Amino acid sequence: MAPDRSDDDEFAQARKMPSVIGHGMLTAGILAQAVTRWVGPINVRRFKARFSSSVYPKDVLSCGARVIK
């Protein structure tokens, strides 16, 4: 496991990061779970995520959705 994605704040801060970062797939999974709970698993046919910046502890995640009939 990469030290900047674990609980090693000292390692992250030595690299000018405010704290450890969340894995991209972790944040994508959290958002996918929110969408699945919202519309139901049978209605999710495709899910895409774009990693645009780092996610730190206590960050607030937001997502958008487009419903296509």
C-alpha atoms as a PDB file:
ATOM      1  CA  MET A   1       0.000   0.000   0.000  1.00  0.00           C
ATOM      2  CA  ALA A   2       1.282   3.455  -0.832  1.00  0.00           C
ATOM      3  CA  PRO A   3       2.243   5.399   2.317  1.00  0.00           C
ATOM      4  CA  ASP A   4       0.425   8.554   1.127  1.00  0.00           C
ATOM      5  CA  ARG A   5      -2.801   6.531   1.051  1.00  0.00           C
ATOM      6  CA  SER A   6      -2.488   4.972   4.477  1.00  0.00           C
ATOM      7  CA  ASP A   7      -2.517   6.498   7.925  1.00  0.00           C
ATOM      8  CA  ASP A   8       0.971   8.014   7.640  1.00  0.00           C
ATOM      9  CA  ASP A   9       0.313  11.769   7.954  1.00  0.00           C
ATOM     10  CA  GLU A  10       4.014  12.429   8.485  1.00  0.00           C
ATOM     11  CA  PHE A  11       4.837  10.868   5.111  1.00  0.00           C
ATOM     12  CA  ALA A  12       2.152  12.904   3.349  1.00  0.00           C
ATOM     13  CA  GLN A  13       3.113  16.190   5.000  1.00  0.00           C
ATOM     14  CA  ALA A  14       6.778  15.664   4.060  1.00  0.00           C
ATOM     15  CA  ARG A  15       5.554  15.752   0.458  1.00  0.00           C
ATOM     16  CA  LYS A  16       3.669  19.055   0.956  1.00  0.00           C
ATOM     17  CA  MET A  17       0.280  17.342   1.180  1.00  0.00           C
ATOM     18  CA  PRO A  18      -2.094  18.391   3.979  1.00  0.00           C
ATOM     19  CA  SER A  19      -2.848  14.781   4.892  1.00  0.00           C
ATOM     20  CA  VAL A  20      -3.152  11.301   3.437  1.00  0.00           C
ATOM     21  CA  ILE A  21      -5.323  10.925   0.339  1.00  0.00           C
ATOM     22  CA  GLY A  22      -8.163   8.557  -0.411  1.00  0.00           C
ATOM     23  CA  HIS A  23      -7.696   5.954  -3.141  1.00  0.00           C
ATOM     24  CA  GLY A  24      -9.444   6.982  -6.352  1.00  0.00           C
ATOM     25  CA  MET A  25     -11.292   3.689  -6.481  1.00  0.00           C
ATOM     26  CA  LEU A  26     -12.478   4.197  -2.890  1.00  0.00           C
ATOM     27  CA  THR A  27     -14.080   7.529  -3.738  1.00  0.00           C
ATOM     28  CA  ALA A  28     -15.551   6.111  -6.970  1.00  0.00           C
ATOM     29  CA  GLY A  29     -16.982   3.209  -4.976  1.00  0.00           C
ATOM     30  CA  ILE A  30     -18.562   5.530  -2.405  1.00  0.00           C
ATOM     31  CA  LEU A  31     -20.243   7.541  -5.155  1.00  0.00           C
ATOM     32  CA  ALA A  32     -21.324   4.385  -7.016  1.00  0.00           C
ATOM     33  CA  GLN A  33     -22.920   3.084  -3.839  1.00  0.00           C
ATOM     34  CA  ALA A  34     -24.812   6.359  -3.372  1.00  0.00           C
ATOM     35  CA  VAL A  35     -26.150   6.222  -6.931  1.00  0.00           C
ATOM     36  CA  THR A  36     -27.091   2.552  -6.601  1.00  0.00           C
ATOM     37  CA  ARG A  37     -28.995   3.218  -3.374  1.00  0.00           C
ATOM     38  CA  TRP A  38     -30.735   6.178  -5.035  1.00  0.00           C
ATOM     39  CA  VAL A  39     -31.988   4.435  -8.193  1.00  0.00           C
ATOM     40  CA  GLY A  40     -31.660   0.749  -7.318  1.00  0.00           C
ATOM     41  CA  PRO A  41     -29.035  -1.663  -8.649  1.00  0.00           C
ATOM     42  CA  ILE A  42     -31.213  -2.930 -11.499  1.00  0.00           C
ATOM     43  CA  ASN A  43     -31.349   0.594 -12.928  1.00  0.00           C
ATOM     44  CA  VAL A  44     -27.590   1.219 -13.038  1.00  0.00           C
ATOM     45  CA  ARG A  45     -26.364   0.109 -16.437  1.00  0.00           C
ATOM     46  CA  ARG A  46     -23.135   2.075 -16.563  1.00  0.00           C
ATOM     47  CA  PHE A  47     -21.061   4.081 -14.113  1.00  0.00           C
ATOM     48  CA  LYS A  48     -18.094   6.268 -15.021  1.00  0.00           C
ATOM     49  CA  ALA A  49     -15.830   8.288 -12.760  1.00  0.00           C
ATOM     50  CA  ARG A  50     -13.213  10.910 -13.510  1.00  0.00           C
ATOM     51  CA  PHE A  51     -10.503  11.506 -10.946  1.00  0.00           C
ATOM     52  CA  SER A  52      -9.943  15.271 -11.080  1.00  0.00           C
ATOM     53  CA  SER A  53      -8.193  15.960  -7.781  1.00  0.00           C
ATOM     54  CA  SER A  54      -7.026  14.401  -4.553  1.00  0.00           C
ATOM     55  CA  VAL A  55      -9.519  13.553  -1.818  1.00  0.00           C
ATOM     56  CA  TYR A  56      -8.469  14.155   1.786  1.00  0.00           C
ATOM     57  CA  PRO A  57     -10.078  13.050   5.058  1.00  0.00           C
ATOM     58  CA  LYS A  58     -13.170  15.128   5.907  1.00  0.00           C
ATOM     59  CA  ASP A  59     -13.608  16.292   2.285  1.00  0.00           C
ATOM     60  CA  VAL A  60     -17.199  16.442   1.096  1.00  0.00           C
ATOM     61  CA  LEU A  61     -17.836  14.471  -2.088  1.00  0.00           C
ATOM     62  CA  SER A  62     -20.517  15.422  -4.561  1.00  0.00           C
ATOM     63  CA  CYS A  63     -21.763  13.769  -7.695  1.00  0.00           C
ATOM     64  CA  GLY A  64     -24.036  14.494 -10.588  1.00  0.00           C
ATOM     65  CA  ALA A  65     -26.211  12.150 -12.590  1.00  0.00           C
ATOM     66  CA  ARG A  66     -28.046  12.065 -15.854  1.00  0.00           C
ATOM     67  CA  VAL A  67     -31.063   9.819 -16.182  1.00  0.00           C
ATOM     68  CA  ILE A  68     -31.599   8.467 -19.692  1.00  0.00           C
ATOM     69  CA  LYS A  69     -34.770   6.628 -20.523  1.00  0.00           C
END
